[in-house]
Amino acid sequence: MKDSRVLFLAIILLSLSMLGFAFLPYLSSLVESRNIGKAHSSLGEQIYFSGRGENGRQIPFGYGPPWLRMHGGNCPSCHGDDGKGGFQIMMTDEEAPSITWEALTGAEHDEHEDEEEEEEEHASYDKRTIERAITKGLDPSGQRLDSIMPRWEMNQAELDAISSFLKKLD
């Protein structure tokens, strides 16, 4: 009888400790979100480097690589700290494009290589179509971007901030 009580108590304690570990990432994100704004000079920089928007909230997204959630969901995970891309995205055969303002809005952005098609052409991006690419995954001609590009759920203030920050990457 005493052994069964000890076993029951051990199971309860083990269950409680496992539950604590399950909530640890959530609790650490709360602490991190309080300090996030202090580490960046602007909301756009904060969004780019941390994936956190206004009030330090983690910006949710659809699509995108599953591992992106584990990495905090930020732009440098694919496009690099400087936004120039050019390297293979983890666990894919895709190469990250440059997302600097000049690369997106300049005339040289009109041509894209695609393995299935010879060349895919579309007009250069502008602020509105960049925002649409970020939130809906569409290029300027309305064609779907690769599903590896997350569809971020940002409000207008966050979209304005990230657009402004992309201009600073040039």
N, C-alpha and C. Protein backbone atom coordinates (compact mmCIF):
# COMPACT_ATOMS: atom_id res chain seq x y z
N MET A 1 0.82 -1.20 0.00
CA MET A 1 0.00 0.00 0.00
C MET A 1 0.86 1.25 0.00
N LYS A 2 1.92 1.25 0.84
CA LYS A 2 2.81 2.41 0.91
C LYS A 2 3.55 2.59 -0.41
N ASP A 3 3.94 1.48 -1.03
CA ASP A 3 4.64 1.56 -2.31
C ASP A 3 3.74 2.16 -3.39
N SER A 4 2.47 1.85 -3.37
CA SER A 4 1.56 2.40 -4.37
C SER A 4 1.37 3.90 -4.17
N ARG A 5 1.38 4.37 -2.92
CA ARG A 5 1.28 5.82 -2.67
C ARG A 5 2.52 6.55 -3.16
N VAL A 6 3.68 5.96 -2.93
CA VAL A 6 4.94 6.56 -3.38
C VAL A 6 4.96 6.60 -4.91
N LEU A 7 4.53 5.52 -5.53
CA LEU A 7 4.49 5.47 -6.99
C LEU A 7 3.51 6.52 -7.52
N PHE A 8 2.34 6.63 -6.91
CA PHE A 8 1.35 7.62 -7.31
C PHE A 8 1.92 9.04 -7.17
N LEU A 9 2.57 9.33 -6.03
CA LEU A 9 3.18 10.64 -5.80
C LEU A 9 4.27 10.92 -6.83
N ALA A 10 5.07 9.93 -7.16
CA ALA A 10 6.14 10.09 -8.16
C ALA A 10 5.55 10.40 -9.53
N ILE A 11 4.47 9.73 -9.88
CA ILE A 11 3.81 9.98 -11.17
C ILE A 11 3.25 11.40 -11.21
N ILE A 12 2.63 11.84 -10.12
CA ILE A 12 2.08 13.21 -10.05
C ILE A 12 3.19 14.23 -10.20
N LEU A 13 4.29 14.06 -9.47
CA LEU A 13 5.41 15.01 -9.55
C LEU A 13 6.04 15.02 -10.93
N LEU A 14 6.19 13.86 -11.52
CA LEU A 14 6.74 13.78 -12.87
C LEU A 14 5.82 14.47 -13.88
N SER A 15 4.52 14.25 -13.73
CA SER A 15 3.55 14.90 -14.62
C SER A 15 3.60 16.42 -14.48
N LEU A 16 3.68 16.91 -13.25
CA LEU A 16 3.75 18.35 -13.03
C LEU A 16 5.03 18.94 -13.61
N SER A 17 6.14 18.24 -13.47
CA SER A 17 7.39 18.77 -14.04
C SER A 17 7.35 18.78 -15.56
N MET A 18 6.75 17.77 -16.16
CA MET A 18 6.61 17.75 -17.62
C MET A 18 5.71 18.86 -18.09
N LEU A 19 4.65 19.14 -17.35
CA LEU A 19 3.76 20.23 -17.68
C LEU A 19 4.50 21.57 -17.60
N GLY A 20 5.36 21.69 -16.61
CA GLY A 20 6.18 22.90 -16.47
C GLY A 20 7.09 23.09 -17.67
N PHE A 21 7.71 22.02 -18.14
CA PHE A 21 8.58 22.12 -19.31
C PHE A 21 7.78 22.47 -20.56
N ALA A 22 6.54 22.01 -20.63
CA ALA A 22 5.70 22.33 -21.78
C ALA A 22 5.41 23.82 -21.85
N PHE A 23 5.27 24.48 -20.70
CA PHE A 23 4.97 25.90 -20.67
C PHE A 23 6.22 26.78 -20.68
N LEU A 24 7.40 26.20 -20.53
CA LEU A 24 8.64 26.97 -20.48
C LEU A 24 8.85 27.85 -21.70
N PRO A 25 8.66 27.35 -22.94
CA PRO A 25 8.83 28.24 -24.09
C PRO A 25 7.86 29.42 -24.08
N TYR A 26 6.64 29.18 -23.64
CA TYR A 26 5.66 30.26 -23.57
C TYR A 26 6.09 31.30 -22.54
N LEU A 27 6.51 30.85 -21.39
CA LEU A 27 6.93 31.78 -20.34
C LEU A 27 8.17 32.57 -20.75
N SER A 28 9.12 31.91 -21.40
CA SER A 28 10.33 32.63 -21.83
C SER A 28 10.00 33.63 -22.93
N SER A 29 9.01 33.32 -23.78
CA SER A 29 8.63 34.28 -24.83
C SER A 29 7.97 35.51 -24.22
N LEU A 30 7.27 35.34 -23.09
CA LEU A 30 6.69 36.50 -22.42
C LEU A 30 7.77 37.43 -21.90
N VAL A 31 8.80 36.86 -21.30
CA VAL A 31 9.91 37.66 -20.79
C VAL A 31 10.64 38.32 -21.95
N GLU A 32 10.88 37.56 -23.01
CA GLU A 32 11.58 38.09 -24.19
C GLU A 32 10.79 39.21 -24.84
N SER A 33 9.46 39.08 -24.91
CA SER A 33 8.66 40.10 -25.58
C SER A 33 8.69 41.43 -24.84
N ARG A 34 8.93 41.43 -23.56
CA ARG A 34 9.04 42.67 -22.80
C ARG A 34 10.31 43.43 -23.15
N ASN A 35 11.36 42.71 -23.49
CA ASN A 35 12.66 43.33 -23.75
C ASN A 35 12.94 43.54 -25.23
N ILE A 36 12.12 43.01 -26.10
CA ILE A 36 12.41 43.01 -27.54
C ILE A 36 12.54 44.41 -28.13
N GLY A 37 11.67 45.32 -27.75
CA GLY A 37 11.70 46.67 -28.31
C GLY A 37 12.98 47.43 -27.98
N LYS A 38 13.62 47.09 -26.88
CA LYS A 38 14.84 47.78 -26.47
C LYS A 38 16.03 47.39 -27.33
N ALA A 39 15.96 46.23 -27.98
CA ALA A 39 17.08 45.72 -28.75
C ALA A 39 17.13 46.26 -30.18
N HIS A 40 16.06 46.89 -30.65
CA HIS A 40 15.98 47.34 -32.03
C HIS A 40 15.65 48.82 -32.10
N SER A 41 16.16 49.47 -33.14
CA SER A 41 15.98 50.92 -33.27
C SER A 41 14.62 51.32 -33.85
N SER A 42 13.90 50.37 -34.45
CA SER A 42 12.60 50.69 -35.05
C SER A 42 11.73 49.45 -35.04
N LEU A 43 10.44 49.66 -35.20
CA LEU A 43 9.51 48.53 -35.29
C LEU A 43 9.84 47.66 -36.50
N GLY A 44 10.22 48.28 -37.63
CA GLY A 44 10.57 47.51 -38.82
C GLY A 44 11.77 46.61 -38.59
N GLU A 45 12.78 47.13 -37.91
CA GLU A 45 13.97 46.33 -37.59
C GLU A 45 13.58 45.18 -36.65
N GLN A 46 12.74 45.48 -35.69
CA GLN A 46 12.27 44.46 -34.74
C GLN A 46 11.54 43.35 -35.48
N ILE A 47 10.65 43.70 -36.39
CA ILE A 47 9.91 42.70 -37.17
C ILE A 47 10.87 41.87 -38.00
N TYR A 48 11.79 42.53 -38.69
CA TYR A 48 12.72 41.84 -39.58
C TYR A 48 13.57 40.82 -38.82
N PHE A 49 14.16 41.25 -37.71
CA PHE A 49 15.11 40.40 -37.00
C PHE A 49 14.49 39.46 -35.97
N SER A 50 13.30 39.76 -35.47
CA SER A 50 12.75 38.91 -34.42
C SER A 50 11.41 38.27 -34.77
N GLY A 51 10.73 38.76 -35.81
CA GLY A 51 9.41 38.24 -36.14
C GLY A 51 8.35 38.70 -35.15
N ARG A 52 8.66 39.75 -34.41
CA ARG A 52 7.73 40.28 -33.41
C ARG A 52 7.27 41.67 -33.84
N GLY A 53 5.97 41.90 -33.72
CA GLY A 53 5.39 43.17 -34.14
C GLY A 53 5.13 44.10 -32.98
N GLU A 54 4.05 44.86 -33.10
CA GLU A 54 3.69 45.82 -32.06
C GLU A 54 3.51 45.11 -30.73
N ASN A 55 3.91 45.76 -29.68
CA ASN A 55 3.80 45.23 -28.32
C ASN A 55 4.54 43.91 -28.14
N GLY A 56 5.49 43.62 -29.02
CA GLY A 56 6.29 42.41 -28.88
C GLY A 56 5.58 41.12 -29.23
N ARG A 57 4.40 41.22 -29.85
CA ARG A 57 3.66 40.00 -30.18
C ARG A 57 4.35 39.23 -31.30
N GLN A 58 4.38 37.91 -31.19
CA GLN A 58 4.91 37.07 -32.26
C GLN A 58 3.94 37.17 -33.43
N ILE A 59 4.44 37.56 -34.59
CA ILE A 59 3.56 37.71 -35.76
C ILE A 59 3.25 36.32 -36.32
N PRO A 60 1.96 35.97 -36.35
CA PRO A 60 1.60 34.65 -36.88
C PRO A 60 1.73 34.61 -38.40
N PHE A 61 1.89 33.42 -38.93
CA PHE A 61 1.97 33.26 -40.38
C PHE A 61 1.42 31.91 -40.79
N GLY A 62 1.01 31.86 -42.05
CA GLY A 62 0.60 30.62 -42.68
C GLY A 62 1.66 30.27 -43.72
N TYR A 63 1.62 29.07 -44.21
CA TYR A 63 2.60 28.58 -45.17
C TYR A 63 3.99 28.67 -44.56
N GLY A 64 5.00 28.70 -45.39
CA GLY A 64 6.36 28.79 -44.91
C GLY A 64 6.89 27.46 -44.40
N PRO A 65 8.20 27.38 -44.27
CA PRO A 65 8.80 26.13 -43.80
C PRO A 65 8.45 25.87 -42.33
N PRO A 66 8.16 24.63 -41.99
CA PRO A 66 7.77 24.31 -40.61
C PRO A 66 8.83 24.70 -39.58
N TRP A 67 10.10 24.62 -39.94
CA TRP A 67 11.16 24.95 -38.98
C TRP A 67 11.20 26.43 -38.64
N LEU A 68 10.55 27.29 -39.44
CA LEU A 68 10.59 28.72 -39.20
C LEU A 68 10.00 29.08 -37.84
N ARG A 69 8.98 28.35 -37.42
CA ARG A 69 8.38 28.59 -36.09
C ARG A 69 9.40 28.33 -34.99
N MET A 70 10.23 27.32 -35.16
CA MET A 70 11.23 27.01 -34.14
C MET A 70 12.34 28.05 -34.10
N HIS A 71 12.55 28.75 -35.22
CA HIS A 71 13.59 29.78 -35.28
C HIS A 71 13.05 31.16 -34.95
N GLY A 72 11.82 31.24 -34.48
CA GLY A 72 11.25 32.51 -34.08
C GLY A 72 10.54 33.25 -35.18
N GLY A 73 10.56 32.73 -36.39
CA GLY A 73 9.85 33.37 -37.49
C GLY A 73 10.40 34.74 -37.82
N ASN A 74 11.58 34.79 -38.40
CA ASN A 74 12.14 36.08 -38.78
C ASN A 74 12.69 36.04 -40.20
N CYS A 75 12.84 37.21 -40.79
CA CYS A 75 13.26 37.32 -42.19
C CYS A 75 14.68 36.81 -42.45
N PRO A 76 15.66 37.09 -41.56
CA PRO A 76 17.02 36.62 -41.83
C PRO A 76 17.14 35.10 -41.90
N SER A 77 16.17 34.37 -41.36
CA SER A 77 16.24 32.91 -41.45
C SER A 77 16.35 32.45 -42.90
N CYS A 78 15.76 33.21 -43.81
CA CYS A 78 15.83 32.87 -45.23
C CYS A 78 16.63 33.89 -46.04
N HIS A 79 16.42 35.17 -45.78
CA HIS A 79 16.99 36.23 -46.62
C HIS A 79 18.31 36.80 -46.11
N GLY A 80 18.74 36.40 -44.93
CA GLY A 80 19.99 36.89 -44.37
C GLY A 80 19.84 38.23 -43.66
N ASP A 81 20.81 38.56 -42.84
CA ASP A 81 20.77 39.81 -42.07
C ASP A 81 20.72 41.03 -42.97
N ASP A 82 21.36 40.94 -44.15
CA ASP A 82 21.41 42.09 -45.06
C ASP A 82 20.26 42.10 -46.07
N GLY A 83 19.41 41.06 -46.07
CA GLY A 83 18.27 40.99 -46.97
C GLY A 83 18.62 40.60 -48.39
N LYS A 84 19.87 40.27 -48.65
CA LYS A 84 20.30 40.00 -50.03
C LYS A 84 20.12 38.55 -50.46
N GLY A 85 19.70 37.68 -49.53
CA GLY A 85 19.43 36.30 -49.91
C GLY A 85 20.63 35.65 -50.56
N GLY A 86 20.37 34.83 -51.58
CA GLY A 86 21.44 34.23 -52.37
C GLY A 86 21.94 32.90 -51.84
N PHE A 87 21.33 32.35 -50.81
CA PHE A 87 21.76 31.06 -50.32
C PHE A 87 20.55 30.13 -50.25
N GLN A 88 20.83 28.84 -50.18
CA GLN A 88 19.76 27.85 -50.19
C GLN A 88 19.00 27.89 -48.87
N ILE A 89 17.68 27.86 -48.96
CA ILE A 89 16.83 27.85 -47.77
C ILE A 89 16.87 26.44 -47.18
N MET A 90 17.07 26.39 -45.87
CA MET A 90 17.20 25.12 -45.17
C MET A 90 16.07 24.16 -45.53
N MET A 91 16.45 22.91 -45.78
CA MET A 91 15.53 21.81 -46.05
C MET A 91 14.73 21.99 -47.34
N THR A 92 15.24 22.79 -48.28
CA THR A 92 14.59 22.94 -49.59
C THR A 92 15.67 22.99 -50.66
N ASP A 93 15.24 23.05 -51.91
CA ASP A 93 16.19 23.29 -52.98
C ASP A 93 16.02 24.71 -53.52
N GLU A 94 15.32 25.56 -52.76
CA GLU A 94 15.05 26.95 -53.14
C GLU A 94 16.17 27.87 -52.67
N GLU A 95 16.47 28.87 -53.49
CA GLU A 95 17.43 29.89 -53.11
C GLU A 95 16.66 31.15 -52.72
N ALA A 96 17.02 31.71 -51.57
CA ALA A 96 16.32 32.91 -51.08
C ALA A 96 16.66 34.11 -51.95
N PRO A 97 15.65 34.85 -52.41
CA PRO A 97 15.91 36.04 -53.21
C PRO A 97 16.29 37.23 -52.34
N SER A 98 16.84 38.23 -52.97
CA SER A 98 17.11 39.49 -52.27
C SER A 98 15.79 40.21 -52.05
N ILE A 99 15.64 40.77 -50.85
CA ILE A 99 14.43 41.54 -50.55
C ILE A 99 14.78 42.98 -50.16
N THR A 100 15.96 43.44 -50.61
CA THR A 100 16.27 44.85 -50.38
C THR A 100 15.31 45.68 -51.24
N TRP A 101 15.08 46.89 -50.86
CA TRP A 101 14.14 47.75 -51.59
C TRP A 101 14.56 47.88 -53.05
N GLU A 102 15.84 48.09 -53.28
CA GLU A 102 16.33 48.25 -54.65
C GLU A 102 16.11 46.97 -55.46
N ALA A 103 16.36 45.83 -54.85
CA ALA A 103 16.18 44.56 -55.58
C ALA A 103 14.71 44.33 -55.93
N LEU A 104 13.82 44.70 -55.04
CA LEU A 104 12.39 44.48 -55.28
C LEU A 104 11.77 45.51 -56.22
N THR A 105 12.18 46.75 -56.10
CA THR A 105 11.54 47.82 -56.87
C THR A 105 12.32 48.23 -58.12
N GLY A 106 13.55 47.80 -58.24
CA GLY A 106 14.37 48.18 -59.39
C GLY A 106 14.01 47.41 -60.64
N ALA A 107 14.48 47.89 -61.77
CA ALA A 107 14.19 47.28 -63.07
C ALA A 107 14.76 45.88 -63.19
N GLU A 108 15.84 45.58 -62.45
CA GLU A 108 16.47 44.26 -62.55
C GLU A 108 15.62 43.17 -61.92
N HIS A 109 14.58 43.53 -61.18
CA HIS A 109 13.73 42.54 -60.54
C HIS A 109 12.73 41.92 -61.52
N ASP A 110 12.63 42.46 -62.71
CA ASP A 110 11.62 42.01 -63.66
C ASP A 110 11.80 40.58 -64.15
N GLU A 111 13.00 40.01 -64.01
CA GLU A 111 13.23 38.67 -64.52
C GLU A 111 13.57 37.73 -63.37
N HIS A 112 12.97 36.55 -63.37
CA HIS A 112 13.21 35.52 -62.37
C HIS A 112 13.43 34.21 -63.08
N GLU A 113 14.42 33.49 -62.64
CA GLU A 113 14.64 32.14 -63.15
C GLU A 113 13.69 31.19 -62.42
N ASP A 114 13.14 30.24 -63.10
CA ASP A 114 12.28 29.24 -62.49
C ASP A 114 12.60 27.92 -63.16
N GLU A 115 12.72 26.86 -62.36
CA GLU A 115 13.10 25.57 -62.93
C GLU A 115 12.04 25.02 -63.88
N GLU A 116 10.78 25.30 -63.62
CA GLU A 116 9.72 24.75 -64.45
C GLU A 116 9.50 25.58 -65.71
N GLU A 117 9.79 26.85 -65.65
CA GLU A 117 9.60 27.72 -66.80
C GLU A 117 10.94 28.35 -67.15
N GLU A 118 11.09 28.76 -68.39
CA GLU A 118 12.33 29.41 -68.80
C GLU A 118 12.57 30.67 -67.99
N GLU A 119 11.68 31.62 -68.07
CA GLU A 119 11.77 32.85 -67.30
C GLU A 119 10.38 33.32 -66.95
N GLU A 120 10.24 33.81 -65.75
CA GLU A 120 8.97 34.36 -65.30
C GLU A 120 9.17 35.85 -65.16
N GLU A 121 8.40 36.64 -65.86
CA GLU A 121 8.56 38.08 -65.79
C GLU A 121 7.34 38.72 -65.17
N HIS A 122 7.60 39.75 -64.39
CA HIS A 122 6.53 40.56 -63.83
C HIS A 122 7.11 41.94 -63.54
N ALA A 123 6.23 42.87 -63.36
CA ALA A 123 6.65 44.24 -63.08
C ALA A 123 7.39 44.28 -61.74
N SER A 124 8.12 45.34 -61.54
CA SER A 124 8.79 45.55 -60.26
C SER A 124 7.74 45.75 -59.17
N TYR A 125 8.16 45.49 -57.96
CA TYR A 125 7.27 45.71 -56.81
C TYR A 125 7.19 47.19 -56.50
N ASP A 126 6.12 47.57 -55.81
CA ASP A 126 6.00 48.88 -55.18
C ASP A 126 5.54 48.60 -53.75
N LYS A 127 5.32 49.63 -52.96
CA LYS A 127 4.97 49.42 -51.56
C LYS A 127 3.73 48.53 -51.41
N ARG A 128 2.72 48.79 -52.20
CA ARG A 128 1.48 48.02 -52.12
C ARG A 128 1.70 46.56 -52.48
N THR A 129 2.45 46.29 -53.54
CA THR A 129 2.64 44.90 -53.95
C THR A 129 3.63 44.17 -53.03
N ILE A 130 4.54 44.90 -52.40
CA ILE A 130 5.41 44.27 -51.40
C ILE A 130 4.55 43.83 -50.22
N GLU A 131 3.65 44.69 -49.78
CA GLU A 131 2.76 44.34 -48.68
C GLU A 131 1.89 43.13 -49.05
N ARG A 132 1.44 43.08 -50.28
CA ARG A 132 0.63 41.95 -50.74
C ARG A 132 1.46 40.67 -50.79
N ALA A 133 2.72 40.78 -51.18
CA ALA A 133 3.60 39.61 -51.18
C ALA A 133 3.81 39.09 -49.76
N ILE A 134 3.97 40.01 -48.81
CA ILE A 134 4.19 39.63 -47.42
C ILE A 134 2.95 38.96 -46.82
N THR A 135 1.78 39.49 -47.11
CA THR A 135 0.56 39.00 -46.45
C THR A 135 -0.21 37.95 -47.25
N LYS A 136 -0.14 38.02 -48.57
CA LYS A 136 -0.94 37.11 -49.39
C LYS A 136 -0.09 36.17 -50.26
N GLY A 137 1.23 36.44 -50.34
CA GLY A 137 2.09 35.57 -51.13
C GLY A 137 1.89 35.70 -52.62
N LEU A 138 1.63 36.94 -53.08
CA LEU A 138 1.42 37.19 -54.52
C LEU A 138 2.47 38.15 -55.04
N ASP A 139 2.97 37.90 -56.26
CA ASP A 139 3.91 38.83 -56.88
C ASP A 139 3.13 39.97 -57.53
N PRO A 140 3.81 40.97 -58.11
CA PRO A 140 3.10 42.11 -58.69
C PRO A 140 2.08 41.75 -59.78
N SER A 141 2.29 40.64 -60.48
CA SER A 141 1.34 40.24 -61.53
C SER A 141 0.20 39.39 -60.98
N GLY A 142 0.21 39.15 -59.66
CA GLY A 142 -0.86 38.37 -59.04
C GLY A 142 -0.58 36.88 -58.98
N GLN A 143 0.60 36.45 -59.44
CA GLN A 143 0.96 35.03 -59.39
C GLN A 143 1.41 34.67 -57.98
N ARG A 144 1.09 33.45 -57.57
CA ARG A 144 1.47 32.99 -56.23
C ARG A 144 2.98 32.84 -56.12
N LEU A 145 3.50 33.33 -55.00
CA LEU A 145 4.90 33.08 -54.67
C LEU A 145 5.02 31.64 -54.20
N ASP A 146 6.22 31.13 -54.18
CA ASP A 146 6.46 29.79 -53.69
C ASP A 146 5.88 29.66 -52.28
N SER A 147 5.37 28.49 -51.96
CA SER A 147 4.75 28.29 -50.64
C SER A 147 5.76 28.36 -49.50
N ILE A 148 7.03 28.41 -49.83
CA ILE A 148 8.05 28.55 -48.79
C ILE A 148 8.03 29.96 -48.19
N MET A 149 7.46 30.92 -48.94
CA MET A 149 7.32 32.29 -48.43
C MET A 149 6.13 32.34 -47.50
N PRO A 150 6.36 32.64 -46.20
CA PRO A 150 5.23 32.71 -45.27
C PRO A 150 4.25 33.81 -45.66
N ARG A 151 3.02 33.62 -45.27
CA ARG A 151 1.99 34.65 -45.44
C ARG A 151 1.78 35.24 -44.05
N TRP A 152 2.42 36.39 -43.80
CA TRP A 152 2.45 37.01 -42.48
C TRP A 152 1.14 37.74 -42.18
N GLU A 153 0.68 37.64 -40.97
CA GLU A 153 -0.55 38.31 -40.53
C GLU A 153 -0.16 39.60 -39.79
N MET A 154 0.13 40.64 -40.58
CA MET A 154 0.57 41.92 -40.03
C MET A 154 -0.53 42.97 -40.17
N ASN A 155 -0.57 43.89 -39.21
CA ASN A 155 -1.48 45.02 -39.34
C ASN A 155 -0.80 46.10 -40.19
N GLN A 156 -1.51 47.16 -40.52
CA GLN A 156 -0.97 48.18 -41.43
C GLN A 156 0.24 48.88 -40.84
N ALA A 157 0.25 49.14 -39.54
CA ALA A 157 1.41 49.79 -38.92
C ALA A 157 2.66 48.91 -39.05
N GLU A 158 2.49 47.61 -38.90
CA GLU A 158 3.61 46.69 -39.04
C GLU A 158 4.07 46.61 -40.49
N LEU A 159 3.14 46.60 -41.43
CA LEU A 159 3.51 46.59 -42.85
C LEU A 159 4.25 47.87 -43.23
N ASP A 160 3.79 49.01 -42.75
CA ASP A 160 4.48 50.27 -43.02
C ASP A 160 5.89 50.23 -42.45
N ALA A 161 6.02 49.68 -41.25
CA ALA A 161 7.33 49.63 -40.59
C ALA A 161 8.30 48.71 -41.34
N ILE A 162 7.83 47.54 -41.77
CA ILE A 162 8.74 46.62 -42.47
C ILE A 162 9.10 47.18 -43.84
N SER A 163 8.16 47.85 -44.52
CA SER A 163 8.48 48.48 -45.80
C SER A 163 9.56 49.54 -45.63
N SER A 164 9.44 50.34 -44.61
CA SER A 164 10.45 51.37 -44.34
C SER A 164 11.79 50.73 -44.03
N PHE A 165 11.78 49.63 -43.28
CA PHE A 165 13.05 48.99 -42.94
C PHE A 165 13.71 48.38 -44.18
N LEU A 166 12.92 47.81 -45.09
CA LEU A 166 13.51 47.22 -46.30
C LEU A 166 14.27 48.28 -47.10
N LYS A 167 13.81 49.52 -47.06
CA LYS A 167 14.52 50.61 -47.75
C LYS A 167 15.90 50.84 -47.14
N LYS A 168 16.05 50.58 -45.86
CA LYS A 168 17.33 50.79 -45.17
C LYS A 168 18.33 49.67 -45.46
N LEU A 169 17.87 48.56 -46.01
CA LEU A 169 18.77 47.45 -46.30
C LEU A 169 19.64 47.72 -47.53
N ASP A 170 19.28 48.70 -48.35
CA ASP A 170 20.07 48.99 -49.56
C ASP A 170 21.41 49.61 -49.20
